[in-house]
Amino acid sequence: MEAKTLLHKALNASASDLQLTVGIPPVIRLSGALVKMDLPKVIREETEGLTNMVKLILLMLSQRSVYSGLTATGKEE
C-alpha cells in the first residue's frame, strides 16, 4: 500500500500512532489500545517509502524553524 494512503487511513480512523513492522498488518493506536488494521501485511518497500517521507518532512520542518528566526535582511532577530 502506498505510504500516503496508509497515513490517510490512520488519520481517518483518528489514530494517534501508526506502527509498521514488516510481515504483519499495520497497527494503529485508538484511545490507548493497539488495533491491527484490516490491511495486508507490511512489506519492506512500504517502510522505506514512509521513512523517506518522514525524513523529507523533518528536513522541511528544520529549515522552516531556521528561517522563522530571520528578519527580512537575513539576519537573526
C-alpha atoms as a PDB file:
ATOM      1  CA  MET A   1       0.000   0.000   0.000  1.00  0.00           C
ATOM      2  CA  GLU A   2       1.261   3.476  -0.827  1.00  0.00           C
ATOM      3  CA  ALA A   3       2.589   5.442   2.153  1.00  0.00           C
ATOM      4  CA  LYS A   4       0.257   8.393   1.563  1.00  0.00           C
ATOM      5  CA  THR A   5      -2.811   6.129   1.503  1.00  0.00           C
ATOM      6  CA  LEU A   6      -1.731   4.365   4.686  1.00  0.00           C
ATOM      7  CA  LEU A   7      -1.282   7.666   6.524  1.00  0.00           C
ATOM      8  CA  HIS A   8      -4.696   8.872   5.344  1.00  0.00           C
ATOM      9  CA  LYS A   9      -6.341   5.678   6.624  1.00  0.00           C
ATOM     10  CA  ALA A  10      -4.692   6.104  10.035  1.00  0.00           C
ATOM     11  CA  LEU A  11      -5.770   9.754  10.230  1.00  0.00           C
ATOM     12  CA  ASN A  12      -9.323   8.936   9.128  1.00  0.00           C
ATOM     13  CA  ALA A  13      -9.529   6.374  11.931  1.00  0.00           C
ATOM     14  CA  SER A  14      -8.431   9.109  14.422  1.00  0.00           C
ATOM     15  CA  ALA A  15      -5.338   7.108  15.311  1.00  0.00           C
ATOM     16  CA  SER A  16      -2.701   8.723  17.499  1.00  0.00           C
ATOM     17  CA  ASP A  17       0.005   6.299  16.328  1.00  0.00           C
ATOM     18  CA  LEU A  18       0.794   4.202  13.289  1.00  0.00           C
ATOM     19  CA  GLN A  19       3.146   1.269  13.807  1.00  0.00           C
ATOM     20  CA  LEU A  20       4.677  -0.635  10.933  1.00  0.00           C
ATOM     21  CA  THR A  21       6.509  -3.923  11.194  1.00  0.00           C
ATOM     22  CA  VAL A  22       7.499  -5.878   8.111  1.00  0.00           C
ATOM     23  CA  GLY A  23       5.486  -9.094   7.880  1.00  0.00           C
ATOM     24  CA  ILE A  24       2.372  -8.073   9.864  1.00  0.00           C
ATOM     25  CA  PRO A  25      -0.541  -5.729   9.089  1.00  0.00           C
ATOM     26  CA  PRO A  26      -0.212  -2.071  10.165  1.00  0.00           C
ATOM     27  CA  VAL A  27      -1.220  -1.333  13.762  1.00  0.00           C
ATOM     28  CA  ILE A  28      -2.821   1.906  14.984  1.00  0.00           C
ATOM     29  CA  ARG A  29      -3.422   3.243  18.466  1.00  0.00           C
ATOM     30  CA  LEU A  30      -7.043   4.141  19.182  1.00  0.00           C
ATOM     31  CA  SER A  31      -7.927   5.530  22.619  1.00  0.00           C
ATOM     32  CA  GLY A  32      -4.752   3.976  24.012  1.00  0.00           C
ATOM     33  CA  ALA A  33      -5.351   0.490  22.578  1.00  0.00           C
ATOM     34  CA  LEU A  34      -3.308  -1.055  19.764  1.00  0.00           C
ATOM     35  CA  VAL A  35      -5.524  -2.271  16.929  1.00  0.00           C
ATOM     36  CA  LYS A  36      -4.471  -4.209  13.820  1.00  0.00           C
ATOM     37  CA  MET A  37      -5.754  -2.558  10.653  1.00  0.00           C
ATOM     38  CA  ASP A  38      -7.691  -4.728   8.219  1.00  0.00           C
ATOM     39  CA  LEU A  39      -4.962  -4.409   5.600  1.00  0.00           C
ATOM     40  CA  PRO A  40      -2.353  -6.681   4.003  1.00  0.00           C
ATOM     41  CA  LYS A  41       0.960  -7.348   5.734  1.00  0.00           C
ATOM     42  CA  VAL A  42       3.534  -4.572   5.507  1.00  0.00           C
ATOM     43  CA  ILE A  43       6.333  -5.133   3.022  1.00  0.00           C
ATOM     44  CA  ARG A  44       9.817  -3.645   3.206  1.00  0.00           C
ATOM     45  CA  GLU A  45       9.241  -1.197   0.348  1.00  0.00           C
ATOM     46  CA  GLU A  46       6.353   0.404   2.265  1.00  0.00           C
ATOM     47  CA  THR A  47       8.506   1.062   5.309  1.00  0.00           C
ATOM     48  CA  GLU A  48      11.241   2.533   3.109  1.00  0.00           C
ATOM     49  CA  GLY A  49       8.712   4.826   1.420  1.00  0.00           C
ATOM     50  CA  LEU A  50       7.408   6.075   4.752  1.00  0.00           C
ATOM     51  CA  THR A  51      10.912   6.528   6.122  1.00  0.00           C
ATOM     52  CA  ASN A  52      11.804   8.698   3.139  1.00  0.00           C
ATOM     53  CA  MET A  53       8.596  10.709   3.564  1.00  0.00           C
ATOM     54  CA  VAL A  54       9.308  11.325   7.263  1.00  0.00           C
ATOM     55  CA  LYS A  55      12.901  12.363   6.500  1.00  0.00           C
ATOM     56  CA  LEU A  56      11.634  14.879   3.944  1.00  0.00           C
ATOM     57  CA  ILE A  57       9.060  16.296   6.373  1.00  0.00           C
ATOM     58  CA  LEU A  58      11.676  16.616   9.131  1.00  0.00           C
ATOM     59  CA  LEU A  59      14.057  18.354   6.744  1.00  0.00           C
ATOM     60  CA  MET A  60      11.338  20.804   5.718  1.00  0.00           C
ATOM     61  CA  LEU A  61      10.402  21.497   9.345  1.00  0.00           C
ATOM     62  CA  SER A  62      14.024  22.029  10.376  1.00  0.00           C
ATOM     63  CA  GLN A  63      14.536  24.513   7.537  1.00  0.00           C
ATOM     64  CA  ARG A  64      11.321  26.298   8.464  1.00  0.00           C
ATOM     65  CA  SER A  65      12.479  26.732  12.076  1.00  0.00           C
ATOM     66  CA  VAL A  66      15.857  28.073  10.917  1.00  0.00           C
ATOM     67  CA  TYR A  67      14.237  30.593   8.596  1.00  0.00           C
ATOM     68  CA  SER A  68      11.490  31.635  11.013  1.00  0.00           C
ATOM     69  CA  GLY A  69      14.057  33.366  13.237  1.00  0.00           C
ATOM     70  CA  LEU A  70      15.463  35.503  10.434  1.00  0.00           C
ATOM     71  CA  THR A  71      14.430  39.047   9.570  1.00  0.00           C
ATOM     72  CA  ALA A  72      13.817  40.326   6.053  1.00  0.00           C
ATOM     73  CA  THR A  73      17.553  41.171   5.833  1.00  0.00           C
ATOM     74  CA  GLY A  74      18.510  37.545   6.536  1.00  0.00           C
ATOM     75  CA  LYS A  75      19.913  38.322   9.997  1.00  0.00           C
ATOM     76  CA  GLU A  76      18.721  36.705  13.186  1.00  0.00           C
ATOM     77  CA  GLU A  77      16.301  38.682  15.334  1.00  0.00           C
END
